[in-house]
Amino acid sequence: MIIWGNGVITGTTGWIMYEITLPLNPPQTKKIVIGALLTGKGKMWVDDIRVTIDGEDIANAKIVEKEIFPAKSKN
C-alpha cells in the first residue's frame, strides 16, 4: 500500500504520473523533503521526480529571503 496525498495506490499499475499539491508558507518553511515509501512486499519504481513552486522548476523559483530579527543577528 502506498500513501499518496489523500489517496492510496495499491496493486500493480503501469507508469502513471501522480501529482500532489501542497501549500507553501515561505516565512515558516525550513526545507522541502520528497521521497517515496513502499510498505509490504513488492517493488516500486520512481522516476523523474519534479518539484515546482508556482509552476516553475524549483531551480528557477524566486528566492524568498527570510527576515532576520535583531535578536538572531550575528552583529
N, C-alpha and C. Protein backbone atom coordinates (compact mmCIF):
# COMPACT_ATOMS: atom_id res chain seq x y z
N MET A 1 0.85 -1.18 0.00
CA MET A 1 0.00 0.00 0.00
C MET A 1 0.89 1.24 0.00
N ILE A 2 0.64 2.16 -0.88
CA ILE A 2 1.40 3.40 -0.97
C ILE A 2 0.45 4.54 -0.63
N ILE A 3 0.84 5.34 0.34
CA ILE A 3 0.04 6.51 0.68
C ILE A 3 0.49 7.64 -0.24
N TRP A 4 -0.43 8.26 -0.93
CA TRP A 4 -0.08 9.33 -1.86
C TRP A 4 -1.07 10.46 -1.66
N GLY A 5 -0.64 11.52 -1.02
CA GLY A 5 -1.55 12.64 -0.79
C GLY A 5 -2.74 12.18 0.02
N ASN A 6 -3.91 12.33 -0.53
CA ASN A 6 -5.13 11.93 0.18
C ASN A 6 -5.61 10.55 -0.24
N GLY A 7 -4.89 9.89 -1.14
CA GLY A 7 -5.35 8.61 -1.65
C GLY A 7 -4.36 7.49 -1.36
N VAL A 8 -4.74 6.28 -1.76
CA VAL A 8 -3.90 5.11 -1.57
C VAL A 8 -3.78 4.42 -2.93
N ILE A 9 -2.57 4.03 -3.29
CA ILE A 9 -2.34 3.30 -4.52
C ILE A 9 -1.98 1.88 -4.12
N THR A 10 -2.71 0.90 -4.64
CA THR A 10 -2.42 -0.49 -4.31
C THR A 10 -2.37 -1.31 -5.59
N GLY A 11 -1.71 -2.44 -5.50
CA GLY A 11 -1.67 -3.36 -6.62
C GLY A 11 -0.70 -2.93 -7.70
N THR A 12 -0.75 -3.65 -8.80
CA THR A 12 0.14 -3.39 -9.93
C THR A 12 -0.47 -2.33 -10.82
N THR A 13 0.32 -1.33 -11.14
CA THR A 13 -0.12 -0.28 -12.07
C THR A 13 0.98 -0.01 -13.07
N GLY A 14 0.61 0.49 -14.21
CA GLY A 14 1.60 0.90 -15.20
C GLY A 14 2.16 2.27 -14.81
N TRP A 15 3.03 2.79 -15.66
CA TRP A 15 3.60 4.11 -15.40
C TRP A 15 2.50 5.15 -15.51
N ILE A 16 2.28 5.83 -14.43
CA ILE A 16 1.26 6.87 -14.36
C ILE A 16 1.88 8.08 -13.67
N MET A 17 1.58 9.28 -14.16
CA MET A 17 2.06 10.47 -13.48
C MET A 17 1.13 10.77 -12.31
N TYR A 18 1.72 10.90 -11.15
CA TYR A 18 0.98 11.30 -9.96
C TYR A 18 1.44 12.68 -9.56
N GLU A 19 0.56 13.45 -9.01
CA GLU A 19 0.89 14.82 -8.62
C GLU A 19 0.28 15.12 -7.27
N ILE A 20 1.02 15.83 -6.46
CA ILE A 20 0.50 16.28 -5.17
C ILE A 20 0.78 17.77 -5.07
N THR A 21 -0.19 18.52 -4.61
CA THR A 21 -0.06 19.96 -4.46
C THR A 21 -0.20 20.30 -2.99
N LEU A 22 0.77 21.04 -2.48
CA LEU A 22 0.76 21.43 -1.07
C LEU A 22 0.95 22.94 -0.96
N PRO A 23 0.36 23.55 0.05
CA PRO A 23 0.59 24.98 0.25
C PRO A 23 2.02 25.22 0.75
N LEU A 24 2.58 26.34 0.38
CA LEU A 24 3.93 26.71 0.81
C LEU A 24 3.85 28.04 1.54
N ASN A 25 4.42 28.09 2.71
CA ASN A 25 4.45 29.31 3.51
C ASN A 25 5.91 29.69 3.70
N PRO A 26 6.49 30.48 2.77
CA PRO A 26 7.93 30.78 2.81
C PRO A 26 8.47 31.25 4.16
N PRO A 27 7.79 32.12 4.92
CA PRO A 27 8.37 32.54 6.19
C PRO A 27 8.55 31.39 7.19
N GLN A 28 7.75 30.34 7.07
CA GLN A 28 7.83 29.24 8.02
C GLN A 28 8.49 27.98 7.45
N THR A 29 8.77 27.95 6.15
CA THR A 29 9.35 26.77 5.52
C THR A 29 10.85 26.72 5.73
N LYS A 30 11.33 25.63 6.30
CA LYS A 30 12.77 25.46 6.53
C LYS A 30 13.39 24.59 5.46
N LYS A 31 12.67 23.58 5.00
CA LYS A 31 13.18 22.71 3.95
C LYS A 31 12.03 21.98 3.28
N ILE A 32 12.29 21.47 2.10
CA ILE A 32 11.34 20.65 1.36
C ILE A 32 11.96 19.27 1.23
N VAL A 33 11.24 18.25 1.66
CA VAL A 33 11.73 16.88 1.60
C VAL A 33 10.78 16.06 0.74
N ILE A 34 11.33 15.31 -0.21
CA ILE A 34 10.50 14.47 -1.06
C ILE A 34 10.99 13.04 -0.98
N GLY A 35 10.12 12.11 -1.26
CA GLY A 35 10.51 10.70 -1.25
C GLY A 35 9.33 9.83 -1.59
N ALA A 36 9.59 8.53 -1.58
CA ALA A 36 8.55 7.54 -1.85
C ALA A 36 8.72 6.41 -0.84
N LEU A 37 7.64 5.80 -0.45
CA LEU A 37 7.68 4.75 0.56
C LEU A 37 6.80 3.58 0.11
N LEU A 38 7.39 2.40 0.11
CA LEU A 38 6.66 1.18 -0.18
C LEU A 38 6.54 0.39 1.10
N THR A 39 5.33 0.05 1.48
CA THR A 39 5.13 -0.79 2.67
C THR A 39 4.67 -2.16 2.20
N GLY A 40 5.16 -3.19 2.82
CA GLY A 40 4.79 -4.55 2.44
C GLY A 40 5.73 -5.09 1.38
N LYS A 41 5.31 -6.21 0.79
CA LYS A 41 6.13 -6.87 -0.23
C LYS A 41 5.91 -6.22 -1.58
N GLY A 42 6.89 -6.37 -2.45
CA GLY A 42 6.75 -5.88 -3.81
C GLY A 42 7.90 -5.00 -4.22
N LYS A 43 7.72 -4.34 -5.33
CA LYS A 43 8.74 -3.44 -5.88
C LYS A 43 8.06 -2.14 -6.28
N MET A 44 8.84 -1.09 -6.21
CA MET A 44 8.33 0.21 -6.61
C MET A 44 9.42 0.93 -7.39
N TRP A 45 9.06 1.53 -8.48
CA TRP A 45 10.00 2.34 -9.24
C TRP A 45 9.50 3.77 -9.23
N VAL A 46 10.40 4.69 -9.00
CA VAL A 46 10.08 6.11 -9.00
C VAL A 46 11.05 6.77 -9.97
N ASP A 47 10.54 7.59 -10.86
CA ASP A 47 11.39 8.21 -11.87
C ASP A 47 10.92 9.63 -12.15
N ASP A 48 11.87 10.47 -12.46
CA ASP A 48 11.58 11.83 -12.93
C ASP A 48 10.76 12.64 -11.93
N ILE A 49 11.21 12.65 -10.67
CA ILE A 49 10.52 13.45 -9.66
C ILE A 49 10.83 14.92 -9.91
N ARG A 50 9.82 15.73 -9.88
CA ARG A 50 9.98 17.17 -10.10
C ARG A 50 9.36 17.93 -8.94
N VAL A 51 10.03 18.99 -8.53
CA VAL A 51 9.49 19.89 -7.52
C VAL A 51 9.32 21.24 -8.20
N THR A 52 8.10 21.75 -8.17
CA THR A 52 7.84 23.06 -8.76
C THR A 52 7.19 23.95 -7.73
N ILE A 53 7.44 25.23 -7.85
CA ILE A 53 6.80 26.23 -7.00
C ILE A 53 6.13 27.23 -7.92
N ASP A 54 4.82 27.33 -7.79
CA ASP A 54 4.00 28.18 -8.66
C ASP A 54 4.26 27.89 -10.14
N GLY A 55 4.41 26.59 -10.46
CA GLY A 55 4.58 26.18 -11.85
C GLY A 55 6.00 26.27 -12.37
N GLU A 56 6.93 26.81 -11.60
CA GLU A 56 8.32 26.95 -12.01
C GLU A 56 9.16 25.86 -11.35
N ASP A 57 10.11 25.31 -12.10
CA ASP A 57 11.04 24.36 -11.52
C ASP A 57 11.70 25.01 -10.31
N ILE A 58 11.92 24.24 -9.26
CA ILE A 58 12.46 24.80 -8.02
C ILE A 58 13.80 25.49 -8.24
N ALA A 59 14.57 25.04 -9.22
CA ALA A 59 15.86 25.67 -9.52
C ALA A 59 15.69 27.09 -10.04
N ASN A 60 14.54 27.39 -10.64
CA ASN A 60 14.27 28.72 -11.20
C ASN A 60 13.30 29.53 -10.35
N ALA A 61 12.90 28.99 -9.22
CA ALA A 61 11.90 29.66 -8.38
C ALA A 61 12.51 30.90 -7.72
N LYS A 62 11.65 31.85 -7.43
CA LYS A 62 12.07 33.08 -6.76
C LYS A 62 12.56 32.75 -5.36
N ILE A 63 13.72 33.26 -5.01
CA ILE A 63 14.27 33.04 -3.68
C ILE A 63 13.62 34.03 -2.72
N VAL A 64 13.11 33.52 -1.62
CA VAL A 64 12.47 34.36 -0.62
C VAL A 64 13.42 34.50 0.55
N GLU A 65 13.83 35.72 0.82
CA GLU A 65 14.72 35.99 1.95
C GLU A 65 13.89 36.10 3.21
N LYS A 66 14.27 35.34 4.22
CA LYS A 66 13.57 35.43 5.50
C LYS A 66 14.08 36.64 6.26
N GLU A 67 13.18 37.26 7.00
CA GLU A 67 13.55 38.41 7.81
C GLU A 67 14.40 37.93 8.98
N ILE A 68 15.53 38.59 9.19
CA ILE A 68 16.39 38.27 10.32
C ILE A 68 16.14 39.31 11.42
N PHE A 69 15.65 38.84 12.53
CA PHE A 69 15.35 39.73 13.64
C PHE A 69 16.63 40.07 14.39
N PRO A 70 16.71 41.25 14.98
CA PRO A 70 17.92 41.67 15.69
C PRO A 70 18.42 40.65 16.70
N ALA A 71 17.54 39.99 17.39
CA ALA A 71 17.96 39.01 18.42
C ALA A 71 18.69 37.82 17.79
N LYS A 72 18.44 37.54 16.51
CA LYS A 72 19.09 36.40 15.84
C LYS A 72 20.26 36.86 14.97
N SER A 73 20.46 38.15 14.85
CA SER A 73 21.55 38.68 14.04
C SER A 73 22.89 38.44 14.70
N LYS A 74 23.93 38.18 13.91
CA LYS A 74 25.26 37.93 14.45
C LYS A 74 26.00 39.23 14.71
N ASN A 75 25.42 40.36 14.35
CA ASN A 75 26.10 41.65 14.54
C ASN A 75 25.89 42.16 15.95
